[in-house]
Amino acid sequence: MTAPVDPTRTSAWSELTALRGGFVPDLRGWFAADPARAERFSLPLADLHVDLSKNLVTDDVLAALLRLAEETGVAERYAAMLSGSHLNTTEDRAVLHTALRRPANASPALVVDGQDVDADVQEVLGALSAFADRVRSGDWRGITGKRVTHVVNIGIGGSDLGPVMVYEALKPYANAGIQARFVSNIDPTDLAQKTSDLDPETTLFIVASKTFTTLETLTNARLARDWLWAGLTASGAIDGGEQSRTDAVAHHFVAVSTALDKVAAFGIDPTNAFGFWDWVGGRYSVDSAIGLSLAIALGADTFRDLLAGFHAVDEHVRTTPLERNVPVLMGLLNVWYVNFFDAQSHAVLPYAQQLSRFPAYLQQLTMESNGKSVRWDGTPVTTDTGEVFWGEPGTNGQHAFYQLIHQGTRLIPADFIAFVNPAYPLTDGGQDVHALFLANFLAQTKALAFGKTAAEVEAEGTTGALVAARTFAGNRPTTSIFAPALTPQVLGQLIALYEHITFTQGTIWGINSFDQWGVELGKQLAMQIAPAIEGDADAVAAQDPSTKALLEYYAEHRN
């Protein structure tokens, strides 16, 4: 295991510390002194136009950040990841989500640990595409011979957040009369509400669990199976006998899993199980077989276009010098804000209702990856790591939390995402509504960057104490990401952009961005507490005083 470079001991870190000591952000002055600033700090990334000019950086700061990337080995570690090195040190695994989107017949072939990774990926992708085509064409039917109209994905974490985000983003491409729904929460309300208006005869369930042991997923899968049996029996579609119930599951359930024995024990035909590999982390898995629901609802061709978007960014990162490498630059800016401005959160603000679930998706991607206090060699980190990612679509957020970003006491860097052409072009009395929408997108980044001085407020006739309340300091950093339209390829590019931003930050901080031990303890304790909730006296006695008191409250009030 190669020990990570301690970023705080690099010459670049010392230089950044010195620069920060005398640093006075002045976006108004910088733009006035450099009319070409917007052009110099705007870069292409496949179909994306990325404007970094409203960030709190000068040429000297940017040069020092680039030296930090060089001294911590960002490019070398990325090359190691692409080659299949076991970067996931705590689980001794390769990290190869980028292999999921390599094109067919890529050369040279990717062979890792003696396995032809390209062949494996293409085999699963081919099987997934063929199955999706069968469902979409009506060749695959339910037990009564009816076509599938709804596919329900049962998963949690990466098996849910990615598929539901992509589905919501690309709904305009759902053209086969098949809707997708997503069940994740073990709260029974989730499954009950998602199935309340469905017809069991036309519903297909996808159980997404690599090991087929995930508590929430398997609980919901059993509840869904009971719902299916009850509905089909009530309608007379099956007689309720063991064989008819087995046949029903075979027609209405498929799996995304590699545990074929457990899949078969559940009643799913193992030939209808689509696998993926231990080198695919859950939060990096939407472009694996976890995307089966997407291939069905949106079409296999659309899914492949999504993969092509991912790959375009992978290639950008691999081949582009650091000084024009957009994901690396954005990751470096995040390090600048977290470690030198004490920024504790980062807002992602898509001006596209279709991306309503994108911030939630990024929460897992970034915070599960970089929410670490130990480096990849087991030693403590030497810097703050990670930041809270959050956000909502504009313009909704403007009427909720933008006040904090504009005039609050904490620095909150923000990424604004927008598209030139809308999925649904509408007018209101001759007014292009999307143009009005984009006016808000442009106005917010302008206001955050340049603010409003007291003199400007007074010039409008405001006096007294109201002047201070209506003054905006400006110098609030933003990145603007623009694209012609929200296509499958563009969405893939956006997702991969943030994957590689996350990678860059993790490399600089020296942490393993590909494990998630922090989620395990709560799972273990839940299994220990579950018998106590059921009334097991020994399990109750084993709890701490606070947990005991809460268990008593539960017992007193449960109907």
Protein backbone atom coordinates (compact mmCIF):
# COMPACT_ATOMS: atom_id res chain seq x y z
CA MET A 1 0.00 0.00 0.00
CA THR A 2 1.41 3.37 -0.99
CA ALA A 3 0.98 5.95 1.74
CA PRO A 4 -0.96 9.05 0.67
CA VAL A 5 0.83 12.34 0.32
CA ASP A 6 0.05 14.64 3.23
CA PRO A 7 -1.25 17.73 1.40
CA THR A 8 -0.41 20.01 4.31
CA ARG A 9 3.29 19.18 3.90
CA THR A 10 3.45 20.11 0.22
CA SER A 11 4.94 23.35 -1.01
CA ALA A 12 1.66 24.10 -2.79
CA TRP A 13 -0.24 23.98 0.51
CA SER A 14 2.21 26.41 2.08
CA GLU A 15 1.80 28.70 -0.90
CA LEU A 16 -2.01 28.53 -0.68
CA THR A 17 -1.85 29.28 3.03
CA ALA A 18 0.23 32.36 2.33
CA LEU A 19 -2.07 33.48 -0.48
CA ARG A 20 -5.12 33.07 1.71
CA GLY A 21 -3.53 35.18 4.43
CA GLY A 22 -3.64 38.31 2.34
CA PHE A 23 -6.56 37.35 0.15
CA VAL A 24 -9.36 39.88 -0.38
CA PRO A 25 -12.01 38.64 -2.82
CA ASP A 26 -13.04 41.32 -5.30
CA LEU A 27 -15.03 39.90 -8.18
CA ARG A 28 -16.16 43.38 -9.25
CA GLY A 29 -12.61 44.60 -9.42
CA TRP A 30 -11.26 41.47 -11.07
CA PHE A 31 -13.81 41.61 -13.87
CA ALA A 32 -13.25 45.34 -14.35
CA ALA A 33 -9.51 44.87 -14.59
CA ASP A 34 -9.73 41.82 -16.84
CA PRO A 35 -12.50 42.02 -19.46
CA ALA A 36 -11.44 38.56 -20.70
CA ARG A 37 -11.86 36.89 -17.29
CA ALA A 38 -15.09 35.13 -18.25
CA GLU A 39 -13.52 33.80 -21.42
CA ARG A 40 -10.31 32.70 -19.70
CA PHE A 41 -12.14 30.88 -16.95
CA SER A 42 -14.79 29.20 -19.13
CA LEU A 43 -14.06 25.71 -20.41
CA PRO A 44 -15.77 23.06 -22.53
CA LEU A 45 -16.49 19.59 -21.14
CA ALA A 46 -18.05 17.44 -23.88
CA ASP A 47 -21.46 19.12 -24.36
CA LEU A 48 -21.16 21.22 -21.20
CA HIS A 49 -20.07 24.84 -21.01
CA VAL A 50 -18.54 25.45 -17.58
CA ASP A 51 -17.96 29.01 -16.38
CA LEU A 52 -15.61 29.18 -13.39
CA SER A 53 -15.05 32.94 -13.61
CA LYS A 54 -17.25 33.85 -10.63
CA ASN A 55 -15.15 31.77 -8.26
CA LEU A 56 -12.85 33.37 -5.69
CA VAL A 57 -9.60 32.65 -7.49
CA THR A 58 -6.84 34.64 -9.09
CA ASP A 59 -4.26 33.32 -11.51
CA ASP A 60 -1.83 32.86 -8.60
CA VAL A 61 -4.35 30.87 -6.56
CA LEU A 62 -5.25 28.69 -9.52
CA ALA A 63 -1.59 27.99 -10.25
CA ALA A 64 -1.00 26.95 -6.65
CA LEU A 65 -4.06 24.69 -6.69
CA LEU A 66 -2.78 23.01 -9.84
CA ARG A 67 0.57 22.43 -8.16
CA LEU A 68 -1.32 20.84 -5.26
CA ALA A 69 -2.96 18.42 -7.69
CA GLU A 70 0.46 17.58 -9.12
CA GLU A 71 2.14 17.14 -5.74
CA THR A 72 -0.63 14.86 -4.44
CA GLY A 73 -0.63 12.75 -7.61
CA VAL A 74 -4.18 13.28 -8.87
CA ALA A 75 -3.38 12.32 -12.47
CA GLU A 76 -1.34 9.29 -11.44
CA ARG A 77 -4.03 8.01 -9.09
CA TYR A 78 -6.66 8.43 -11.81
CA ALA A 79 -4.51 6.38 -14.19
CA ALA A 80 -4.15 3.74 -11.47
CA MET A 81 -7.92 3.60 -11.05
CA LEU A 82 -8.48 3.16 -14.79
CA SER A 83 -5.95 0.34 -14.88
CA GLY A 84 -7.69 -1.64 -12.14
CA SER A 85 -5.36 -1.01 -9.21
CA HIS A 86 -6.97 -1.86 -5.88
CA LEU A 87 -7.61 1.69 -4.74
CA ASN A 88 -10.31 0.49 -2.36
CA THR A 89 -7.76 -0.53 0.23
CA THR A 90 -10.07 -1.51 3.09
CA GLU A 91 -11.87 -4.05 0.91
CA ASP A 92 -8.90 -4.87 -1.34
CA ARG A 93 -10.87 -4.10 -4.50
CA ALA A 94 -10.36 -2.41 -7.80
CA VAL A 95 -12.46 0.68 -8.50
CA LEU A 96 -13.77 0.29 -12.03
CA HIS A 97 -17.07 2.11 -12.47
CA THR A 98 -15.43 3.78 -15.46
CA ALA A 99 -15.27 0.34 -17.12
CA LEU A 100 -19.07 0.21 -17.15
CA ARG A 101 -19.18 2.85 -19.88
CA ARG A 102 -16.24 1.83 -22.02
CA PRO A 103 -17.47 1.33 -25.58
CA ALA A 104 -17.70 -2.13 -27.07
CA ASN A 105 -14.44 -3.34 -28.64
CA ALA A 106 -12.42 -0.75 -26.75
CA SER A 107 -8.70 -1.16 -27.32
CA PRO A 108 -6.61 -2.21 -25.59
CA ALA A 109 -8.91 -4.58 -23.74
CA LEU A 110 -9.16 -4.06 -19.98
CA VAL A 111 -8.01 -7.15 -18.10
CA VAL A 112 -7.91 -6.89 -14.30
CA ASP A 113 -6.95 -9.65 -11.87
CA GLY A 114 -6.96 -12.07 -14.80
CA GLN A 115 -10.53 -11.20 -15.80
CA ASP A 116 -11.58 -9.66 -19.11
CA VAL A 117 -13.56 -6.78 -17.67
CA ASP A 118 -14.72 -5.46 -21.06
CA ALA A 119 -16.18 -8.83 -22.04
CA ASP A 120 -17.97 -9.15 -18.70
CA VAL A 121 -19.47 -5.67 -18.94
CA GLN A 122 -20.64 -6.09 -22.52
CA GLU A 123 -22.19 -9.46 -21.75
CA VAL A 124 -24.33 -8.02 -18.96
CA LEU A 125 -25.17 -4.92 -20.99
CA GLY A 126 -26.27 -7.11 -23.88
CA ALA A 127 -28.47 -9.26 -21.64
CA LEU A 128 -29.95 -6.18 -19.96
CA SER A 129 -30.71 -4.58 -23.32
CA ALA A 130 -32.31 -7.73 -24.70
CA PHE A 131 -34.53 -8.11 -21.64
CA ALA A 132 -35.53 -4.45 -21.76
CA ASP A 133 -36.50 -4.85 -25.43
CA ARG A 134 -38.63 -7.89 -24.57
CA VAL A 135 -40.55 -5.96 -21.93
CA ARG A 136 -40.97 -2.86 -24.08
CA SER A 137 -42.14 -4.85 -27.12
CA GLY A 138 -44.66 -6.86 -25.11
CA ASP A 139 -42.84 -10.14 -25.66
CA TRP A 140 -42.44 -10.43 -21.87
CA ARG A 141 -45.87 -10.54 -20.25
CA GLY A 142 -47.37 -11.08 -16.85
CA ILE A 143 -48.91 -14.34 -15.73
CA THR A 144 -52.29 -13.50 -17.29
CA GLY A 145 -50.75 -12.51 -20.63
CA LYS A 146 -51.04 -8.74 -20.14
CA ARG A 147 -48.24 -6.37 -21.11
CA VAL A 148 -46.16 -4.67 -18.44
CA THR A 149 -47.25 -1.08 -17.82
CA HIS A 150 -45.32 -0.38 -14.62
CA VAL A 151 -41.89 -1.43 -13.45
CA VAL A 152 -41.17 -1.04 -9.73
CA ASN A 153 -37.51 -0.91 -8.70
CA ILE A 154 -36.91 -2.09 -5.14
CA GLY A 155 -33.52 -1.01 -3.82
CA ILE A 156 -31.87 1.44 -1.46
CA GLY A 157 -28.87 3.76 -1.52
CA GLY A 158 -27.13 3.50 -4.85
CA SER A 159 -29.68 0.95 -6.02
CA ASP A 160 -32.36 3.62 -5.72
CA LEU A 161 -30.94 7.15 -5.79
CA GLY A 162 -29.31 6.79 -9.21
CA PRO A 163 -32.18 5.13 -11.06
CA VAL A 164 -34.86 7.44 -9.66
CA MET A 165 -32.77 10.54 -10.41
CA VAL A 166 -32.09 9.47 -14.00
CA TYR A 167 -35.70 8.45 -14.59
CA GLU A 168 -37.01 11.80 -13.41
CA ALA A 169 -34.42 13.61 -15.52
CA LEU A 170 -35.14 11.68 -18.71
CA LYS A 171 -38.90 11.14 -18.46
CA PRO A 172 -39.43 12.79 -21.87
CA TYR A 173 -37.66 9.74 -23.34
CA ALA A 174 -40.10 7.26 -21.78
CA ASN A 175 -42.02 6.44 -24.96
CA ALA A 176 -43.08 2.79 -24.57
CA GLY A 177 -46.07 3.31 -22.30
CA ILE A 178 -44.16 1.94 -19.31
CA GLN A 179 -43.81 3.96 -16.11
CA ALA A 180 -41.19 3.37 -13.44
CA ARG A 181 -41.61 3.67 -9.71
CA PHE A 182 -39.04 3.31 -6.97
CA VAL A 183 -39.35 1.82 -3.50
CA SER A 184 -36.49 2.21 -1.03
CA ASN A 185 -37.60 3.09 2.49
CA ILE A 186 -38.31 0.26 4.91
CA ASP A 187 -41.16 2.40 6.21
CA PRO A 188 -44.10 0.34 4.87
CA THR A 189 -45.74 3.55 3.71
CA ASP A 190 -43.33 3.70 0.79
CA LEU A 191 -44.32 0.38 -0.74
CA ALA A 192 -48.00 0.80 0.14
CA GLN A 193 -48.28 4.15 -1.60
CA LYS A 194 -46.20 3.18 -4.63
CA THR A 195 -48.39 0.11 -5.31
CA SER A 196 -51.79 1.45 -4.19
CA ASP A 197 -53.06 2.17 -7.72
CA LEU A 198 -51.17 -0.54 -9.61
CA ASP A 199 -52.56 -3.65 -11.26
CA PRO A 200 -50.62 -6.77 -10.21
CA GLU A 201 -51.25 -8.28 -13.65
CA THR A 202 -49.26 -5.50 -15.38
CA THR A 203 -46.56 -4.81 -12.77
CA LEU A 204 -42.95 -6.00 -12.95
CA PHE A 205 -40.73 -5.77 -9.87
CA ILE A 206 -36.95 -5.44 -9.99
CA VAL A 207 -35.21 -6.43 -6.76
CA ALA A 208 -31.83 -4.69 -6.77
CA SER A 209 -29.38 -6.02 -4.20
CA LYS A 210 -25.89 -7.22 -5.07
CA THR A 211 -25.78 -9.74 -2.21
CA PHE A 212 -29.54 -10.23 -2.01
CA THR A 213 -29.27 -9.69 1.74
CA THR A 214 -29.90 -5.94 2.11
CA LEU A 215 -32.41 -5.68 4.97
CA GLU A 216 -34.58 -2.90 3.55
CA THR A 217 -34.60 -4.27 0.01
CA LEU A 218 -35.41 -7.85 0.95
CA THR A 219 -38.12 -6.76 3.39
CA ASN A 220 -39.76 -4.65 0.70
CA ALA A 221 -39.34 -7.46 -1.84
CA ARG A 222 -41.22 -9.87 0.42
CA LEU A 223 -43.95 -7.29 0.99
CA ALA A 224 -44.21 -6.76 -2.78
CA ARG A 225 -44.44 -10.52 -3.32
CA ASP A 226 -47.25 -10.74 -0.76
CA TRP A 227 -49.02 -7.84 -2.49
CA LEU A 228 -48.71 -9.60 -5.84
CA TRP A 229 -50.04 -12.90 -4.53
CA ALA A 230 -52.92 -11.25 -2.69
CA GLY A 231 -53.95 -9.18 -5.70
CA LEU A 232 -53.76 -12.01 -8.21
CA THR A 233 -55.63 -14.36 -5.90
CA ALA A 234 -58.36 -11.80 -5.22
CA SER A 235 -58.92 -11.25 -8.94
CA GLY A 236 -58.94 -14.96 -9.69
CA ALA A 237 -55.82 -14.70 -11.81
CA ILE A 238 -54.20 -17.44 -9.71
CA ASP A 239 -55.70 -20.01 -7.36
CA GLY A 240 -53.37 -19.18 -4.50
CA GLY A 241 -51.72 -22.58 -4.53
CA GLU A 242 -47.96 -23.00 -4.21
CA GLN A 243 -47.38 -23.65 -7.92
CA SER A 244 -49.48 -20.70 -9.05
CA ARG A 245 -47.66 -18.42 -6.65
CA THR A 246 -44.31 -19.67 -7.93
CA ASP A 247 -45.40 -19.01 -11.50
CA ALA A 248 -46.57 -15.52 -10.54
CA VAL A 249 -43.19 -14.59 -9.08
CA ALA A 250 -41.42 -15.93 -12.17
CA HIS A 251 -43.55 -13.66 -14.38
CA HIS A 252 -43.47 -10.56 -12.23
CA PHE A 253 -40.06 -10.45 -10.53
CA VAL A 254 -36.50 -10.13 -11.83
CA ALA A 255 -33.32 -9.35 -9.91
CA VAL A 256 -30.16 -7.31 -10.13
CA SER A 257 -27.84 -9.45 -8.05
CA THR A 258 -24.93 -11.88 -8.20
CA ALA A 259 -26.25 -14.12 -5.42
CA LEU A 260 -28.05 -16.51 -7.73
CA ASP A 261 -28.77 -19.07 -5.01
CA LYS A 262 -30.62 -16.48 -2.92
CA VAL A 263 -32.39 -15.16 -6.01
CA ALA A 264 -33.64 -18.67 -6.80
CA ALA A 265 -34.69 -19.25 -3.19
CA PHE A 266 -36.85 -16.14 -3.41
CA GLY A 267 -38.55 -17.60 -6.49
CA ILE A 268 -36.90 -15.59 -9.24
CA ASP A 269 -35.51 -17.53 -12.18
CA PRO A 270 -31.71 -17.02 -12.04
CA THR A 271 -31.73 -16.53 -15.82
CA ASN A 272 -33.59 -13.31 -15.07
CA ALA A 273 -30.91 -12.04 -12.69
CA PHE A 274 -28.50 -9.42 -13.97
CA GLY A 275 -25.19 -9.15 -12.16
CA PHE A 276 -22.53 -6.61 -11.42
CA TRP A 277 -19.19 -6.78 -9.66
CA ASP A 278 -17.56 -5.98 -6.35
CA TRP A 279 -15.50 -3.28 -8.08
CA VAL A 280 -18.70 -1.27 -8.59
CA GLY A 281 -19.59 0.77 -5.53
CA GLY A 282 -23.30 1.31 -4.96
CA ARG A 283 -23.11 5.08 -5.43
CA TYR A 284 -21.25 4.54 -8.71
CA SER A 285 -23.60 1.84 -10.05
CA VAL A 286 -26.39 3.59 -11.98
CA ASP A 287 -24.60 2.76 -15.23
CA SER A 288 -24.44 -0.95 -14.33
CA ALA A 289 -27.30 -3.47 -14.30
CA ILE A 290 -28.74 -1.29 -11.52
CA GLY A 291 -30.02 0.75 -14.46
CA LEU A 292 -32.31 -2.08 -15.63
CA SER A 293 -35.45 -0.10 -14.75
CA LEU A 294 -34.10 2.76 -16.90
CA ALA A 295 -33.40 0.52 -19.88
CA ILE A 296 -36.97 -0.76 -19.65
CA ALA A 297 -38.72 2.58 -19.18
CA LEU A 298 -36.47 4.69 -21.40
CA GLY A 299 -35.10 2.13 -23.85
CA ALA A 300 -31.76 0.39 -24.22
CA ASP A 301 -30.56 2.93 -26.81
CA THR A 302 -31.23 5.78 -24.40
CA PHE A 303 -29.36 3.90 -21.69
CA ARG A 304 -26.38 3.44 -24.02
CA ASP A 305 -26.45 7.16 -24.82
CA LEU A 306 -26.28 7.82 -21.09
CA LEU A 307 -23.20 5.58 -20.88
CA ALA A 308 -21.61 7.44 -23.78
CA GLY A 309 -21.99 10.69 -21.84
CA PHE A 310 -20.19 9.18 -18.85
CA HIS A 311 -17.38 7.94 -21.07
CA ALA A 312 -16.87 11.33 -22.72
CA VAL A 313 -16.04 12.83 -19.34
CA ASP A 314 -13.84 9.87 -18.38
CA GLU A 315 -11.83 10.52 -21.52
CA HIS A 316 -11.68 14.25 -20.82
CA VAL A 317 -10.20 13.59 -17.39
CA ARG A 318 -7.75 11.03 -18.80
CA THR A 319 -6.46 13.12 -21.69
CA THR A 320 -6.81 16.79 -20.73
CA PRO A 321 -3.98 18.71 -19.02
CA LEU A 322 -4.77 19.66 -15.44
CA GLU A 323 -5.02 23.37 -16.23
CA ARG A 324 -8.01 22.73 -18.53
CA ASN A 325 -9.35 19.59 -16.84
CA VAL A 326 -12.80 20.68 -15.68
CA PRO A 327 -13.55 18.03 -13.01
CA VAL A 328 -10.06 18.44 -11.55
CA LEU A 329 -10.40 22.22 -11.47
CA MET A 330 -13.80 22.04 -9.79
CA GLY A 331 -12.46 19.57 -7.23
CA LEU A 332 -9.53 21.90 -6.53
CA LEU A 333 -11.90 24.83 -6.02
CA ASN A 334 -13.85 22.76 -3.50
CA VAL A 335 -10.63 22.03 -1.60
CA TRP A 336 -9.82 25.76 -1.67
CA TYR A 337 -13.18 26.61 -0.11
CA VAL A 338 -13.28 23.75 2.43
CA ASN A 339 -9.71 23.98 3.67
CA PHE A 340 -8.94 27.68 3.29
CA PHE A 341 -12.36 29.39 3.71
CA ASP A 342 -13.88 26.93 6.19
CA ALA A 343 -16.83 26.30 3.85
CA GLN A 344 -18.91 23.53 5.36
CA SER A 345 -21.50 23.01 2.66
CA HIS A 346 -21.91 23.20 -1.09
CA ALA A 347 -25.16 23.97 -2.91
CA VAL A 348 -26.10 22.40 -6.24
CA LEU A 349 -28.92 24.36 -7.85
CA PRO A 350 -30.29 22.94 -11.10
CA TYR A 351 -32.50 25.28 -13.08
CA ALA A 352 -34.35 22.28 -14.45
CA GLN A 353 -37.27 20.62 -12.70
CA GLN A 354 -36.20 17.34 -14.31
CA LEU A 355 -33.09 17.42 -12.09
CA SER A 356 -35.14 17.65 -8.91
CA ARG A 357 -33.45 14.53 -7.50
CA PHE A 358 -29.93 15.43 -8.62
CA PRO A 359 -28.87 17.09 -5.33
CA ALA A 360 -30.09 14.06 -3.37
CA TYR A 361 -28.11 11.80 -5.69
CA LEU A 362 -25.00 13.91 -5.15
CA GLN A 363 -25.42 13.72 -1.39
CA GLN A 364 -24.64 10.02 -1.44
CA LEU A 365 -21.98 10.31 -4.12
CA THR A 366 -20.00 13.02 -2.36
CA MET A 367 -20.74 12.57 1.34
CA GLU A 368 -20.52 8.77 1.45
CA SER A 369 -17.31 8.98 -0.56
CA ASN A 370 -15.46 11.77 1.23
CA GLY A 371 -17.03 11.83 4.67
CA LYS A 372 -13.93 10.24 6.19
CA SER A 373 -11.55 11.01 9.05
CA VAL A 374 -9.02 8.27 8.21
CA ARG A 375 -6.68 8.16 5.22
CA TRP A 376 -6.38 5.14 2.95
CA ASP A 377 -3.42 3.81 4.93
CA GLY A 378 -5.32 3.92 8.23
CA THR A 379 -3.71 7.10 9.56
CA PRO A 380 -5.74 10.14 10.65
CA VAL A 381 -6.49 12.82 8.08
CA THR A 382 -4.48 16.02 8.30
CA THR A 383 -7.18 18.37 7.01
CA ASP A 384 -10.91 18.89 7.09
CA THR A 385 -12.56 16.57 4.58
CA GLY A 386 -15.92 16.52 2.85
CA GLU A 387 -18.70 19.07 2.78
CA VAL A 388 -22.47 18.87 3.03
CA PHE A 389 -23.98 18.81 -0.46
CA TRP A 390 -27.53 20.04 -0.75
CA GLY A 391 -29.90 21.91 -3.02
CA GLU A 392 -33.24 22.19 -4.78
CA PRO A 393 -34.26 23.22 -8.27
CA GLY A 394 -34.49 26.90 -9.11
CA THR A 395 -36.65 28.91 -8.88
CA ASN A 396 -38.12 27.06 -5.89
CA GLY A 397 -34.91 27.50 -3.91
CA GLN A 398 -34.97 31.26 -4.48
CA HIS A 399 -38.12 31.44 -2.39
CA ALA A 400 -36.72 29.19 0.33
CA PHE A 401 -33.02 29.28 1.21
CA TYR A 402 -31.21 31.63 -1.18
CA GLN A 403 -31.41 34.31 1.53
CA LEU A 404 -28.76 32.37 3.46
CA ILE A 405 -26.49 32.11 0.43
CA HIS A 406 -26.80 35.82 -0.42
CA GLN A 407 -26.60 37.46 3.00
CA GLY A 408 -25.75 34.80 5.56
CA THR A 409 -22.52 34.71 7.55
CA ARG A 410 -21.20 31.46 6.06
CA LEU A 411 -19.61 31.08 2.66
CA ILE A 412 -21.61 28.60 0.59
CA PRO A 413 -20.14 27.84 -2.84
CA ALA A 414 -22.88 26.99 -5.32
CA ASP A 415 -23.11 25.26 -8.70
CA PHE A 416 -25.87 26.48 -11.02
CA ILE A 417 -26.94 24.11 -13.82
CA ALA A 418 -29.17 25.12 -16.73
CA PHE A 419 -30.13 24.16 -20.28
CA VAL A 420 -30.65 26.39 -23.30
CA ASN A 421 -33.57 24.42 -24.74
CA PRO A 422 -36.41 23.11 -22.54
CA ALA A 423 -38.05 19.71 -22.72
CA TYR A 424 -41.45 21.44 -22.76
CA PRO A 425 -41.37 24.83 -24.54
CA LEU A 426 -44.37 26.86 -23.34
CA THR A 427 -45.40 30.49 -23.60
CA ASP A 428 -47.48 32.71 -21.34
CA GLY A 429 -49.20 35.50 -23.25
CA GLY A 430 -46.41 35.49 -25.79
CA GLN A 431 -43.66 35.32 -23.14
CA ASP A 432 -41.23 32.40 -23.52
CA VAL A 433 -41.47 30.93 -20.02
CA HIS A 434 -38.16 29.12 -20.32
CA ALA A 435 -36.44 32.39 -21.21
CA LEU A 436 -37.91 33.93 -18.05
CA PHE A 437 -36.68 30.92 -16.11
CA LEU A 438 -33.16 31.34 -17.47
CA ALA A 439 -33.23 35.04 -16.63
CA ASN A 440 -33.47 33.96 -13.01
CA PHE A 441 -30.55 31.54 -13.46
CA LEU A 442 -28.36 34.32 -14.84
CA ALA A 443 -29.56 36.91 -12.34
CA GLN A 444 -28.75 34.81 -9.30
CA THR A 445 -25.12 34.16 -10.20
CA LYS A 446 -24.71 37.84 -11.07
CA ALA A 447 -26.21 38.96 -7.77
CA LEU A 448 -24.12 36.52 -5.75
CA ALA A 449 -20.92 37.59 -7.49
CA PHE A 450 -21.29 41.36 -7.59
CA GLY A 451 -23.79 42.13 -4.85
CA LYS A 452 -25.16 45.60 -4.29
CA THR A 453 -23.32 48.39 -2.52
CA ALA A 454 -24.77 50.77 0.04
CA ALA A 455 -24.27 53.62 -2.42
CA GLU A 456 -26.31 51.77 -5.03
CA VAL A 457 -29.06 51.15 -2.50
CA GLU A 458 -29.12 54.80 -1.47
CA ALA A 459 -29.20 55.89 -5.11
CA GLU A 460 -32.52 54.10 -5.39
CA GLY A 461 -33.94 56.27 -2.59
CA THR A 462 -33.51 53.95 0.39
CA THR A 463 -32.38 55.60 3.63
CA GLY A 464 -31.65 54.78 7.24
CA ALA A 465 -31.40 51.28 8.65
CA LEU A 466 -32.92 49.78 5.50
CA VAL A 467 -29.74 50.53 3.59
CA ALA A 468 -27.76 47.87 5.43
CA ALA A 469 -30.58 45.33 5.10
CA ARG A 470 -30.69 45.86 1.34
CA THR A 471 -26.95 45.77 0.81
CA PHE A 472 -25.43 42.61 -0.64
CA ALA A 473 -21.74 41.92 -0.04
CA GLY A 474 -21.30 39.88 -3.20
CA ASN A 475 -18.17 37.77 -3.66
CA ARG A 476 -20.23 34.63 -3.13
CA PRO A 477 -18.63 31.98 -5.38
CA THR A 478 -20.60 30.20 -8.06
CA THR A 479 -19.94 27.92 -11.01
CA SER A 480 -22.31 28.02 -13.96
CA ILE A 481 -22.85 24.87 -16.01
CA PHE A 482 -24.76 25.32 -19.26
CA ALA A 483 -25.71 22.78 -21.93
CA PRO A 484 -27.87 22.90 -25.05
CA ALA A 485 -30.46 20.48 -23.65
CA LEU A 486 -30.90 17.77 -21.02
CA THR A 487 -30.24 14.74 -23.21
CA PRO A 488 -29.15 11.28 -22.02
CA GLN A 489 -25.56 12.04 -23.01
CA VAL A 490 -25.58 15.36 -21.19
CA LEU A 491 -26.98 13.74 -18.06
CA GLY A 492 -24.22 11.13 -18.16
CA GLN A 493 -21.69 13.94 -18.46
CA LEU A 494 -23.11 15.72 -15.43
CA ILE A 495 -23.01 12.61 -13.28
CA ALA A 496 -19.45 11.74 -14.32
CA LEU A 497 -18.37 15.34 -13.73
CA TYR A 498 -19.30 15.07 -10.06
CA GLU A 499 -17.83 11.57 -9.78
CA HIS A 500 -14.46 12.97 -10.82
CA ILE A 501 -14.79 16.11 -8.69
CA THR A 502 -15.28 13.76 -5.75
CA PHE A 503 -12.29 11.66 -6.84
CA THR A 504 -10.05 14.73 -7.05
CA GLN A 505 -10.93 15.89 -3.56
CA GLY A 506 -10.50 12.42 -2.09
CA THR A 507 -7.08 12.05 -3.67
CA ILE A 508 -5.85 15.38 -2.33
CA TRP A 509 -7.10 14.56 1.16
CA GLY A 510 -5.56 11.08 0.96
CA ILE A 511 -8.76 9.19 1.73
CA ASN A 512 -10.39 6.10 0.27
CA SER A 513 -13.46 7.49 -1.50
CA PHE A 514 -14.77 4.02 -2.30
CA ASP A 515 -15.71 2.39 1.00
CA GLN A 516 -18.46 3.33 3.45
CA TRP A 517 -17.83 1.77 6.84
CA GLY A 518 -19.64 4.63 8.50
CA VAL A 519 -23.00 3.17 7.49
CA GLU A 520 -22.32 -0.25 9.00
CA LEU A 521 -22.53 0.37 12.74
CA GLY A 522 -26.10 1.61 12.64
CA LYS A 523 -27.12 -1.45 10.62
CA GLN A 524 -25.54 -3.78 13.17
CA LEU A 525 -27.17 -2.04 16.12
CA ALA A 526 -30.57 -2.08 14.40
CA MET A 527 -30.43 -5.87 14.23
CA GLN A 528 -29.60 -5.99 17.94
CA ILE A 529 -32.39 -3.58 18.86
CA ALA A 530 -35.07 -5.20 16.68
CA PRO A 531 -35.81 -7.99 19.23
CA ALA A 532 -36.13 -5.34 21.95
CA ILE A 533 -38.84 -3.59 19.96
CA GLU A 534 -40.65 -6.92 19.79
CA GLY A 535 -40.50 -7.15 23.59
CA ASP A 536 -37.48 -9.38 24.20
CA ALA A 537 -36.57 -8.62 27.83
CA ASP A 538 -32.91 -9.57 27.47
CA ALA A 539 -32.54 -7.36 24.40
CA VAL A 540 -34.16 -4.47 26.27
CA ALA A 541 -31.86 -4.97 29.24
CA ALA A 542 -28.80 -4.79 27.00
CA GLN A 543 -29.61 -1.24 25.86
CA ASP A 544 -28.35 2.08 27.19
CA PRO A 545 -30.68 4.16 29.40
CA SER A 546 -31.77 6.50 26.62
CA THR A 547 -32.61 3.66 24.23
CA LYS A 548 -34.47 1.85 27.04
CA ALA A 549 -36.58 4.93 27.71
CA LEU A 550 -37.44 5.26 24.04
CA LEU A 551 -38.36 1.57 23.89
CA GLU A 552 -40.66 2.08 26.88
CA TYR A 553 -42.34 5.00 25.12
CA TYR A 554 -42.82 2.84 22.04
CA ALA A 555 -44.34 -0.01 24.08
CA GLU A 556 -46.74 2.34 25.85
CA HIS A 557 -48.04 4.00 22.70
CA ARG A 558 -48.04 1.21 20.10
CA ASN A 559 -51.61 0.19 19.25
